[in-house]
């Protein structure tokens, strides 16, 4: 029951905003220029971005980046009518990126200065530990990421899966391959 009310509220609110924006600009028979697109669609895209990121200044930045991206790719655009869809997708993706960065910034906890490793402490690692760090740096990024999240971050497979955006099975197989590659790299003559 509550879910239906929430859906109706969202539908009513966003429908009202859509009506306030007025009808979408009609497509003109002549090919649109980037300037025409900017003039006709900018404010509608800014309002879309505001709904996604909650900050007018950030929303304007997201829309500006979308138009900049369209400008960079204007020569490769096959259909001018697809430009509005491109812009809308770019605004949604840009908004997602903003939200991801915000979430990361909110969740970041700086290390305590007492526990932070200095260059001197890294230099004082035993030769075995230095070999591991050296071999780890030679792994492909995803393998290195999985091992660091597991053994340094202390994350479970499910947490690694979520953090890296890969399935649990991929976490397991990647960790297995990474450990094999790490062992081979450590056994290889330096």
N, C-alpha and C. Protein backbone atom coordinates (compact mmCIF):
# COMPACT_ATOMS: atom_id res chain seq x y z
N UNK A 1 0.82 -1.19 0.00
CA UNK A 1 0.00 0.00 0.00
C UNK A 1 0.87 1.26 0.00
N UNK A 2 1.87 1.29 0.91
CA UNK A 2 2.77 2.44 0.97
C UNK A 2 3.56 2.58 -0.31
N UNK A 3 3.96 1.43 -0.88
CA UNK A 3 4.74 1.48 -2.11
C UNK A 3 3.93 2.12 -3.23
N UNK A 4 2.65 1.79 -3.31
CA UNK A 4 1.78 2.39 -4.32
C UNK A 4 1.64 3.88 -4.11
N UNK A 5 1.54 4.32 -2.85
CA UNK A 5 1.46 5.75 -2.55
C UNK A 5 2.74 6.46 -2.96
N UNK A 6 3.88 5.85 -2.65
CA UNK A 6 5.17 6.45 -3.00
C UNK A 6 5.29 6.57 -4.52
N UNK A 7 4.89 5.52 -5.21
CA UNK A 7 4.97 5.55 -6.67
C UNK A 7 4.07 6.64 -7.24
N UNK A 8 2.85 6.75 -6.70
CA UNK A 8 1.94 7.79 -7.17
C UNK A 8 2.49 9.18 -6.86
N UNK A 9 3.11 9.35 -5.69
CA UNK A 9 3.68 10.65 -5.33
C UNK A 9 4.81 11.03 -6.27
N UNK A 10 5.68 10.08 -6.53
CA UNK A 10 6.80 10.34 -7.44
C UNK A 10 6.28 10.65 -8.83
N UNK A 11 5.32 9.85 -9.28
CA UNK A 11 4.76 10.05 -10.61
C UNK A 11 4.08 11.42 -10.71
N UNK A 12 3.35 11.81 -9.67
CA UNK A 12 2.67 13.11 -9.68
C UNK A 12 3.68 14.25 -9.67
N UNK A 13 4.69 14.16 -8.82
CA UNK A 13 5.68 15.24 -8.71
C UNK A 13 6.46 15.39 -10.00
N UNK A 14 6.99 14.30 -10.50
CA UNK A 14 7.80 14.38 -11.72
C UNK A 14 6.94 14.72 -12.92
N UNK A 15 5.70 14.25 -12.92
CA UNK A 15 4.78 14.63 -13.99
C UNK A 15 4.51 16.12 -13.97
N UNK A 16 4.35 16.67 -12.77
CA UNK A 16 4.14 18.12 -12.64
C UNK A 16 5.35 18.89 -13.16
N UNK A 17 6.55 18.44 -12.81
CA UNK A 17 7.76 19.10 -13.30
C UNK A 17 7.85 19.03 -14.82
N UNK A 18 7.47 17.88 -15.37
CA UNK A 18 7.51 17.71 -16.84
C UNK A 18 6.56 18.69 -17.50
N UNK A 19 5.36 18.87 -16.92
CA UNK A 19 4.38 19.81 -17.46
C UNK A 19 4.91 21.24 -17.36
N UNK A 20 5.57 21.56 -16.22
CA UNK A 20 6.14 22.89 -16.05
C UNK A 20 7.21 23.17 -17.10
N UNK A 21 7.95 22.14 -17.47
CA UNK A 21 8.99 22.31 -18.49
C UNK A 21 8.39 22.58 -19.86
N UNK A 22 7.14 22.22 -20.03
CA UNK A 22 6.49 22.41 -21.32
C UNK A 22 6.80 21.23 -22.22
N UNK A 23 6.19 21.21 -23.38
CA UNK A 23 6.43 20.09 -24.29
C UNK A 23 7.88 20.08 -24.76
N UNK A 24 8.35 18.89 -25.06
CA UNK A 24 9.71 18.76 -25.58
C UNK A 24 9.78 19.50 -26.91
N UNK A 25 10.89 20.16 -27.18
CA UNK A 25 11.01 20.91 -28.44
C UNK A 25 10.80 19.98 -29.63
N UNK A 26 10.00 20.45 -30.57
CA UNK A 26 9.73 19.65 -31.77
C UNK A 26 10.99 19.60 -32.62
N UNK A 27 11.16 18.47 -33.28
CA UNK A 27 12.32 18.33 -34.16
C UNK A 27 12.10 19.17 -35.41
N UNK A 28 13.10 19.93 -35.76
CA UNK A 28 13.05 20.77 -36.96
C UNK A 28 13.56 19.94 -38.12
N UNK A 29 12.99 20.18 -39.29
CA UNK A 29 13.37 19.39 -40.46
C UNK A 29 14.84 19.58 -40.82
N UNK A 30 15.33 20.80 -40.66
CA UNK A 30 16.74 21.07 -40.98
C UNK A 30 17.62 20.45 -39.90
N UNK A 31 18.82 20.04 -40.25
CA UNK A 31 19.71 19.47 -39.24
C UNK A 31 20.01 20.48 -38.14
N UNK A 32 19.98 19.99 -36.90
CA UNK A 32 20.24 20.85 -35.76
C UNK A 32 21.74 21.07 -35.60
N UNK A 33 22.08 22.25 -35.15
CA UNK A 33 23.47 22.52 -34.81
C UNK A 33 23.62 22.30 -33.31
N UNK A 34 24.84 22.26 -32.87
CA UNK A 34 25.10 22.11 -31.44
C UNK A 34 24.51 23.30 -30.68
N UNK A 35 24.58 24.47 -31.28
CA UNK A 35 24.02 25.66 -30.66
C UNK A 35 22.51 25.54 -30.50
N UNK A 36 21.84 25.00 -31.53
CA UNK A 36 20.39 24.79 -31.45
C UNK A 36 20.05 23.82 -30.31
N UNK A 37 20.80 22.73 -30.24
CA UNK A 37 20.56 21.74 -29.18
C UNK A 37 20.75 22.37 -27.80
N UNK A 38 21.80 23.17 -27.67
CA UNK A 38 22.09 23.81 -26.40
C UNK A 38 20.93 24.73 -26.00
N UNK A 39 20.50 25.55 -26.94
CA UNK A 39 19.43 26.50 -26.66
C UNK A 39 18.12 25.80 -26.32
N UNK A 40 17.80 24.73 -27.03
CA UNK A 40 16.51 24.07 -26.87
C UNK A 40 16.46 23.09 -25.69
N UNK A 41 17.59 22.45 -25.35
CA UNK A 41 17.54 21.35 -24.39
C UNK A 41 18.31 21.56 -23.09
N UNK A 42 19.12 22.59 -23.03
CA UNK A 42 19.99 22.78 -21.86
C UNK A 42 19.22 22.82 -20.55
N UNK A 43 18.20 23.66 -20.45
CA UNK A 43 17.50 23.81 -19.17
C UNK A 43 16.77 22.54 -18.76
N UNK A 44 16.21 21.83 -19.72
CA UNK A 44 15.53 20.57 -19.41
C UNK A 44 16.56 19.56 -18.86
N UNK A 45 17.75 19.53 -19.46
CA UNK A 45 18.79 18.62 -18.99
C UNK A 45 19.33 19.05 -17.62
N UNK A 46 19.42 20.35 -17.38
CA UNK A 46 19.86 20.83 -16.07
C UNK A 46 18.85 20.40 -15.00
N UNK A 47 17.57 20.53 -15.30
CA UNK A 47 16.56 20.11 -14.32
C UNK A 47 16.64 18.60 -14.07
N UNK A 48 16.89 17.84 -15.13
CA UNK A 48 17.07 16.39 -14.96
C UNK A 48 18.25 16.13 -14.02
N UNK A 49 19.35 16.79 -14.26
CA UNK A 49 20.54 16.59 -13.44
C UNK A 49 20.30 17.04 -12.00
N UNK A 50 19.55 18.14 -11.80
CA UNK A 50 19.25 18.60 -10.44
C UNK A 50 18.47 17.53 -9.69
N UNK A 51 17.55 16.89 -10.37
CA UNK A 51 16.78 15.82 -9.74
C UNK A 51 17.68 14.65 -9.34
N UNK A 52 18.76 14.46 -10.08
CA UNK A 52 19.65 13.34 -9.80
C UNK A 52 20.73 13.67 -8.78
N UNK A 53 21.26 14.89 -8.79
CA UNK A 53 22.40 15.21 -7.91
C UNK A 53 22.08 16.21 -6.80
N UNK A 54 20.91 16.83 -6.82
CA UNK A 54 20.46 17.73 -5.75
C UNK A 54 21.22 19.04 -5.60
N UNK A 55 22.08 19.39 -6.50
CA UNK A 55 22.82 20.65 -6.40
C UNK A 55 22.81 21.34 -7.77
N UNK A 56 22.24 22.53 -7.84
CA UNK A 56 22.18 23.22 -9.14
C UNK A 56 23.55 23.44 -9.79
N UNK A 57 24.54 23.82 -9.02
CA UNK A 57 25.87 24.08 -9.61
C UNK A 57 26.47 22.80 -10.17
N UNK A 58 26.35 21.72 -9.42
CA UNK A 58 26.87 20.43 -9.89
C UNK A 58 26.09 19.96 -11.10
N UNK A 59 24.77 20.15 -11.09
CA UNK A 59 23.94 19.77 -12.22
C UNK A 59 24.35 20.50 -13.48
N UNK A 60 24.62 21.79 -13.34
CA UNK A 60 25.06 22.57 -14.50
C UNK A 60 26.41 22.07 -15.02
N UNK A 61 27.30 21.69 -14.10
CA UNK A 61 28.58 21.13 -14.52
C UNK A 61 28.39 19.83 -15.28
N UNK A 62 27.49 18.99 -14.80
CA UNK A 62 27.23 17.70 -15.46
C UNK A 62 26.71 17.94 -16.88
N UNK A 63 25.78 18.86 -17.02
CA UNK A 63 25.22 19.15 -18.34
C UNK A 63 26.28 19.76 -19.25
N UNK A 64 27.09 20.64 -18.70
CA UNK A 64 28.16 21.24 -19.50
C UNK A 64 29.12 20.16 -20.01
N UNK A 65 29.46 19.21 -19.15
CA UNK A 65 30.33 18.10 -19.57
C UNK A 65 29.67 17.27 -20.66
N UNK A 66 28.36 17.07 -20.56
CA UNK A 66 27.64 16.31 -21.59
C UNK A 66 27.73 17.03 -22.94
N UNK A 67 27.51 18.34 -22.93
CA UNK A 67 27.62 19.10 -24.18
C UNK A 67 29.06 19.12 -24.70
N UNK A 68 30.01 19.19 -23.80
CA UNK A 68 31.42 19.15 -24.22
C UNK A 68 31.73 17.82 -24.89
N UNK A 69 31.24 16.73 -24.29
CA UNK A 69 31.44 15.41 -24.89
C UNK A 69 30.79 15.30 -26.26
N UNK A 70 29.59 15.87 -26.39
CA UNK A 70 28.91 15.86 -27.68
C UNK A 70 29.70 16.67 -28.70
N UNK A 71 30.23 17.80 -28.28
CA UNK A 71 31.03 18.63 -29.18
C UNK A 71 32.26 17.86 -29.68
N UNK A 72 32.92 17.15 -28.75
CA UNK A 72 34.11 16.36 -29.13
C UNK A 72 33.76 15.28 -30.15
N UNK A 73 32.55 14.72 -30.04
CA UNK A 73 32.16 13.61 -30.91
C UNK A 73 31.19 14.03 -32.02
N UNK A 74 31.00 15.32 -32.21
CA UNK A 74 30.01 15.81 -33.17
C UNK A 74 30.26 15.27 -34.58
N UNK A 75 31.50 15.19 -35.01
CA UNK A 75 31.81 14.69 -36.35
C UNK A 75 31.47 13.23 -36.55
N UNK A 76 31.42 12.48 -35.48
CA UNK A 76 31.11 11.04 -35.58
C UNK A 76 29.63 10.74 -35.40
N UNK A 77 28.84 11.76 -35.13
CA UNK A 77 27.40 11.58 -34.90
C UNK A 77 26.74 11.22 -36.21
N UNK A 78 26.06 10.08 -36.25
CA UNK A 78 25.42 9.61 -37.47
C UNK A 78 24.05 10.22 -37.68
N UNK A 79 23.36 10.52 -36.58
CA UNK A 79 22.00 11.00 -36.67
C UNK A 79 21.82 12.14 -35.68
N UNK A 80 21.52 13.32 -36.19
CA UNK A 80 21.37 14.48 -35.32
C UNK A 80 20.25 14.28 -34.31
N UNK A 81 19.23 13.50 -34.66
CA UNK A 81 18.13 13.24 -33.74
C UNK A 81 18.61 12.43 -32.54
N UNK A 82 19.67 11.66 -32.73
CA UNK A 82 20.21 10.85 -31.63
C UNK A 82 20.99 11.70 -30.64
N UNK A 83 21.28 12.93 -30.99
CA UNK A 83 22.08 13.80 -30.12
C UNK A 83 21.39 14.05 -28.80
N UNK A 84 20.08 14.22 -28.79
CA UNK A 84 19.35 14.45 -27.54
C UNK A 84 19.45 13.22 -26.64
N UNK A 85 19.32 12.05 -27.23
CA UNK A 85 19.47 10.82 -26.46
C UNK A 85 20.87 10.67 -25.90
N UNK A 86 21.86 11.04 -26.72
CA UNK A 86 23.25 11.01 -26.26
C UNK A 86 23.42 11.95 -25.06
N UNK A 87 22.89 13.15 -25.18
CA UNK A 87 23.00 14.12 -24.08
C UNK A 87 22.32 13.61 -22.81
N UNK A 88 21.14 13.05 -22.96
CA UNK A 88 20.41 12.55 -21.80
C UNK A 88 21.19 11.44 -21.11
N UNK A 89 21.73 10.52 -21.91
CA UNK A 89 22.53 9.43 -21.35
C UNK A 89 23.78 9.97 -20.68
N UNK A 90 24.42 10.95 -21.31
CA UNK A 90 25.62 11.54 -20.73
C UNK A 90 25.31 12.23 -19.41
N UNK A 91 24.17 12.87 -19.31
CA UNK A 91 23.77 13.54 -18.06
C UNK A 91 23.53 12.50 -16.96
N UNK A 92 22.85 11.43 -17.30
CA UNK A 92 22.59 10.37 -16.30
C UNK A 92 23.91 9.75 -15.85
N UNK A 93 24.78 9.42 -16.80
CA UNK A 93 26.06 8.82 -16.43
C UNK A 93 26.93 9.79 -15.64
N UNK A 94 26.93 11.05 -16.04
CA UNK A 94 27.70 12.06 -15.31
C UNK A 94 27.17 12.23 -13.89
N UNK A 95 25.86 12.18 -13.74
CA UNK A 95 25.26 12.28 -12.40
C UNK A 95 25.64 11.08 -11.55
N UNK A 96 25.64 9.90 -12.15
CA UNK A 96 26.07 8.70 -11.40
C UNK A 96 27.51 8.85 -10.92
N UNK A 97 28.35 9.38 -11.78
CA UNK A 97 29.76 9.57 -11.40
C UNK A 97 29.87 10.54 -10.23
N UNK A 98 29.11 11.61 -10.27
CA UNK A 98 29.12 12.58 -9.18
C UNK A 98 28.70 11.91 -7.88
N UNK A 99 27.63 11.13 -7.95
CA UNK A 99 27.13 10.46 -6.75
C UNK A 99 28.13 9.43 -6.22
N UNK A 100 28.81 8.73 -7.13
CA UNK A 100 29.84 7.77 -6.69
C UNK A 100 30.98 8.50 -5.99
N UNK A 101 31.42 9.60 -6.57
CA UNK A 101 32.50 10.37 -5.95
C UNK A 101 32.08 10.89 -4.58
N UNK A 102 30.85 11.36 -4.47
CA UNK A 102 30.35 11.83 -3.17
C UNK A 102 30.36 10.71 -2.14
N UNK A 103 29.86 9.56 -2.55
CA UNK A 103 29.80 8.42 -1.63
C UNK A 103 31.20 8.03 -1.18
N UNK A 104 32.11 7.98 -2.11
CA UNK A 104 33.50 7.63 -1.77
C UNK A 104 34.08 8.65 -0.81
N UNK A 105 33.84 9.92 -1.08
CA UNK A 105 34.38 10.97 -0.21
C UNK A 105 33.77 10.89 1.19
N UNK A 106 32.48 10.59 1.28
CA UNK A 106 31.83 10.49 2.60
C UNK A 106 32.35 9.29 3.38
N UNK A 107 32.62 8.20 2.68
CA UNK A 107 33.04 6.98 3.36
C UNK A 107 34.52 6.93 3.67
N UNK A 108 35.30 7.84 3.09
CA UNK A 108 36.74 7.82 3.30
C UNK A 108 37.07 8.17 4.74
N UNK A 109 37.86 7.33 5.34
CA UNK A 109 38.35 7.58 6.69
C UNK A 109 39.87 7.63 6.56
N UNK A 110 40.46 8.80 6.78
CA UNK A 110 41.91 8.89 6.63
C UNK A 110 42.60 7.99 7.66
N UNK A 111 43.72 7.40 7.28
CA UNK A 111 44.43 6.54 8.22
C UNK A 111 44.99 7.37 9.37
N UNK A 112 45.08 6.73 10.51
CA UNK A 112 45.68 7.41 11.65
C UNK A 112 47.17 7.59 11.36
N UNK A 113 47.69 8.72 11.70
CA UNK A 113 49.09 9.01 11.43
C UNK A 113 50.01 8.00 12.10
N UNK A 114 49.59 7.50 13.26
CA UNK A 114 50.41 6.54 13.99
C UNK A 114 50.55 5.24 13.21
N UNK A 115 49.46 4.82 12.55
CA UNK A 115 49.46 3.54 11.84
C UNK A 115 49.93 3.65 10.39
N UNK A 116 50.04 4.86 9.87
CA UNK A 116 50.43 5.02 8.47
C UNK A 116 51.89 4.60 8.29
N UNK A 117 52.13 3.89 7.21
CA UNK A 117 53.49 3.43 6.93
C UNK A 117 54.28 4.55 6.29
N UNK A 118 55.46 4.75 6.77
CA UNK A 118 56.34 5.75 6.18
C UNK A 118 57.24 5.06 5.16
N UNK A 119 57.93 5.85 4.38
CA UNK A 119 58.87 5.30 3.41
C UNK A 119 59.95 4.50 4.13
N UNK A 120 60.34 4.98 5.32
CA UNK A 120 61.37 4.27 6.08
C UNK A 120 60.88 2.89 6.51
N UNK A 121 59.62 2.83 6.94
CA UNK A 121 59.11 1.53 7.40
C UNK A 121 59.01 0.55 6.24
N UNK A 122 58.67 1.06 5.04
CA UNK A 122 58.62 0.18 3.87
C UNK A 122 60.02 -0.31 3.52
N UNK A 123 61.00 0.56 3.68
CA UNK A 123 62.38 0.18 3.37
C UNK A 123 62.88 -0.87 4.35
N UNK A 124 62.31 -0.89 5.55
CA UNK A 124 62.76 -1.82 6.57
C UNK A 124 62.03 -3.17 6.51
N UNK A 125 61.17 -3.33 5.53
CA UNK A 125 60.51 -4.62 5.38
C UNK A 125 61.55 -5.68 5.11
N UNK A 126 61.26 -6.87 5.56
CA UNK A 126 62.20 -7.96 5.29
C UNK A 126 62.27 -8.18 3.78
N UNK A 127 63.30 -8.85 3.35
CA UNK A 127 63.46 -9.08 1.91
C UNK A 127 62.30 -9.91 1.38
N UNK A 128 61.75 -10.80 2.19
CA UNK A 128 60.60 -11.60 1.76
C UNK A 128 59.39 -10.70 1.51
N UNK A 129 59.15 -9.77 2.42
CA UNK A 129 58.03 -8.85 2.26
C UNK A 129 58.24 -7.94 1.06
N UNK A 130 59.48 -7.50 0.86
CA UNK A 130 59.78 -6.65 -0.29
C UNK A 130 59.54 -7.41 -1.59
N UNK A 131 59.84 -8.71 -1.59
CA UNK A 131 59.61 -9.53 -2.77
C UNK A 131 58.11 -9.63 -3.06
N UNK A 132 57.32 -9.76 -2.01
CA UNK A 132 55.87 -9.85 -2.19
C UNK A 132 55.34 -8.53 -2.76
N UNK A 133 55.76 -7.41 -2.19
CA UNK A 133 55.31 -6.11 -2.67
C UNK A 133 55.74 -5.90 -4.12
N UNK A 134 56.95 -6.28 -4.44
CA UNK A 134 57.46 -6.15 -5.81
C UNK A 134 56.65 -7.03 -6.77
N UNK A 135 56.41 -8.29 -6.38
CA UNK A 135 55.65 -9.20 -7.24
C UNK A 135 54.21 -8.72 -7.39
N UNK A 136 53.66 -8.19 -6.33
CA UNK A 136 52.29 -7.68 -6.36
C UNK A 136 52.16 -6.54 -7.37
N UNK A 137 53.16 -5.70 -7.45
CA UNK A 137 53.11 -4.57 -8.38
C UNK A 137 53.17 -5.02 -9.84
N UNK A 138 53.58 -6.25 -10.09
CA UNK A 138 53.68 -6.75 -11.46
C UNK A 138 52.40 -7.45 -11.93
N UNK A 139 51.45 -7.65 -11.02
CA UNK A 139 50.19 -8.31 -11.38
C UNK A 139 49.31 -7.38 -12.19
N UNK A 140 48.42 -7.95 -13.01
CA UNK A 140 47.43 -7.12 -13.70
C UNK A 140 46.57 -6.39 -12.66
N UNK A 141 46.03 -5.23 -13.00
CA UNK A 141 45.29 -4.42 -12.03
C UNK A 141 44.18 -5.17 -11.29
N UNK A 142 43.36 -5.94 -11.99
CA UNK A 142 42.25 -6.61 -11.30
C UNK A 142 42.77 -7.64 -10.31
N UNK A 143 43.79 -8.40 -10.68
CA UNK A 143 44.34 -9.39 -9.76
C UNK A 143 44.93 -8.71 -8.53
N UNK A 144 45.66 -7.64 -8.76
CA UNK A 144 46.25 -6.90 -7.65
C UNK A 144 45.15 -6.35 -6.74
N UNK A 145 44.10 -5.82 -7.37
CA UNK A 145 42.98 -5.25 -6.62
C UNK A 145 42.32 -6.30 -5.73
N UNK A 146 42.05 -7.47 -6.28
CA UNK A 146 41.40 -8.53 -5.49
C UNK A 146 42.28 -8.96 -4.32
N UNK A 147 43.57 -9.15 -4.57
CA UNK A 147 44.45 -9.57 -3.47
C UNK A 147 44.59 -8.49 -2.40
N UNK A 148 44.71 -7.26 -2.81
CA UNK A 148 44.84 -6.17 -1.84
C UNK A 148 43.56 -6.04 -1.02
N UNK A 149 42.41 -6.11 -1.69
CA UNK A 149 41.15 -6.01 -0.95
C UNK A 149 40.98 -7.18 0.02
N UNK A 150 41.42 -8.36 -0.39
CA UNK A 150 41.26 -9.53 0.46
C UNK A 150 42.24 -9.53 1.62
N UNK A 151 43.51 -9.36 1.32
CA UNK A 151 44.52 -9.56 2.35
C UNK A 151 44.92 -8.29 3.08
N UNK A 152 44.86 -7.16 2.43
CA UNK A 152 45.17 -5.91 3.12
C UNK A 152 43.89 -5.30 3.70
N UNK A 153 42.84 -5.30 2.87
CA UNK A 153 41.57 -4.71 3.31
C UNK A 153 40.78 -5.61 4.22
N UNK A 154 41.09 -6.92 4.20
CA UNK A 154 40.37 -7.86 5.04
C UNK A 154 38.92 -8.05 4.63
N UNK A 155 38.61 -7.83 3.36
CA UNK A 155 37.23 -7.96 2.89
C UNK A 155 36.89 -9.39 2.54
N UNK A 156 35.63 -9.74 2.69
CA UNK A 156 35.14 -11.06 2.29
C UNK A 156 34.96 -11.07 0.77
N UNK A 157 34.71 -12.26 0.22
CA UNK A 157 34.50 -12.36 -1.22
C UNK A 157 33.30 -11.53 -1.65
N UNK A 158 32.24 -11.54 -0.84
CA UNK A 158 31.05 -10.75 -1.17
C UNK A 158 31.36 -9.26 -1.16
N UNK A 159 32.15 -8.81 -0.20
CA UNK A 159 32.50 -7.40 -0.12
C UNK A 159 33.41 -6.99 -1.28
N UNK A 160 34.32 -7.88 -1.65
CA UNK A 160 35.20 -7.61 -2.79
C UNK A 160 34.37 -7.54 -4.06
N UNK A 161 33.43 -8.47 -4.19
CA UNK A 161 32.55 -8.51 -5.34
C UNK A 161 31.81 -7.19 -5.50
N UNK A 162 31.29 -6.68 -4.40
CA UNK A 162 30.56 -5.41 -4.45
C UNK A 162 31.49 -4.24 -4.74
N UNK A 163 32.63 -4.22 -4.09
CA UNK A 163 33.56 -3.10 -4.26
C UNK A 163 34.13 -3.04 -5.67
N UNK A 164 34.43 -4.21 -6.24
CA UNK A 164 35.06 -4.25 -7.56
C UNK A 164 34.06 -4.34 -8.70
N UNK A 165 32.79 -4.59 -8.37
CA UNK A 165 31.78 -4.69 -9.41
C UNK A 165 31.90 -5.95 -10.24
N UNK A 166 32.33 -7.04 -9.60
CA UNK A 166 32.46 -8.32 -10.29
C UNK A 166 31.74 -9.38 -9.46
N UNK A 167 31.47 -10.53 -10.07
CA UNK A 167 30.74 -11.58 -9.36
C UNK A 167 31.65 -12.28 -8.34
N UNK A 168 31.02 -12.99 -7.40
CA UNK A 168 31.80 -13.72 -6.38
C UNK A 168 32.66 -14.78 -7.04
N UNK A 169 32.13 -15.43 -8.07
CA UNK A 169 32.91 -16.44 -8.78
C UNK A 169 34.13 -15.84 -9.44
N UNK A 170 33.99 -14.64 -9.99
CA UNK A 170 35.12 -13.96 -10.59
C UNK A 170 36.14 -13.58 -9.53
N UNK A 171 35.66 -13.19 -8.34
CA UNK A 171 36.57 -12.88 -7.25
C UNK A 171 37.40 -14.11 -6.91
N UNK A 172 36.74 -15.27 -6.78
CA UNK A 172 37.44 -16.51 -6.43
C UNK A 172 38.47 -16.89 -7.49
N UNK A 173 38.04 -16.88 -8.75
CA UNK A 173 38.96 -17.31 -9.82
C UNK A 173 40.10 -16.29 -9.99
N UNK A 174 39.79 -15.02 -9.86
CA UNK A 174 40.83 -14.00 -9.98
C UNK A 174 41.84 -14.12 -8.85
N UNK A 175 41.36 -14.35 -7.63
CA UNK A 175 42.26 -14.52 -6.48
C UNK A 175 43.15 -15.74 -6.69
N UNK A 176 42.58 -16.81 -7.18
CA UNK A 176 43.35 -18.03 -7.41
C UNK A 176 44.45 -17.78 -8.45
N UNK A 177 44.07 -17.18 -9.57
CA UNK A 177 45.06 -16.89 -10.62
C UNK A 177 46.11 -15.90 -10.12
N UNK A 178 45.68 -14.93 -9.33
CA UNK A 178 46.62 -13.94 -8.81
C UNK A 178 47.63 -14.57 -7.87
N UNK A 179 47.18 -15.48 -7.02
CA UNK A 179 48.10 -16.14 -6.09
C UNK A 179 49.12 -17.00 -6.85
N UNK A 180 48.63 -17.69 -7.90
CA UNK A 180 49.55 -18.48 -8.72
C UNK A 180 50.58 -17.58 -9.40
N UNK A 181 50.13 -16.49 -9.98
CA UNK A 181 51.04 -15.56 -10.66
C UNK A 181 52.01 -14.92 -9.67
N UNK A 182 51.52 -14.62 -8.48
CA UNK A 182 52.37 -14.03 -7.44
C UNK A 182 53.47 -15.01 -7.03
N UNK A 183 53.09 -16.26 -6.86
CA UNK A 183 54.07 -17.27 -6.49
C UNK A 183 55.13 -17.45 -7.58
N UNK A 184 54.69 -17.49 -8.84
CA UNK A 184 55.64 -17.61 -9.95
C UNK A 184 56.57 -16.41 -10.02
N UNK A 185 56.02 -15.21 -9.82
CA UNK A 185 56.83 -14.00 -9.87
C UNK A 185 57.85 -13.97 -8.75
N UNK A 186 57.49 -14.50 -7.58
CA UNK A 186 58.42 -14.52 -6.46
C UNK A 186 59.51 -15.57 -6.63
N UNK A 187 59.21 -16.64 -7.37
CA UNK A 187 60.19 -17.69 -7.59
C UNK A 187 61.14 -17.37 -8.73
N UNK A 188 60.70 -16.48 -9.62
CA UNK A 188 61.54 -16.13 -10.77
C UNK A 188 62.76 -15.38 -10.28
N UNK A 189 63.92 -15.65 -10.90
CA UNK A 189 65.13 -14.93 -10.50
C UNK A 189 64.97 -13.43 -10.79
N UNK A 190 65.39 -12.61 -9.86
CA UNK A 190 65.25 -11.16 -9.99
C UNK A 190 66.31 -10.59 -10.86
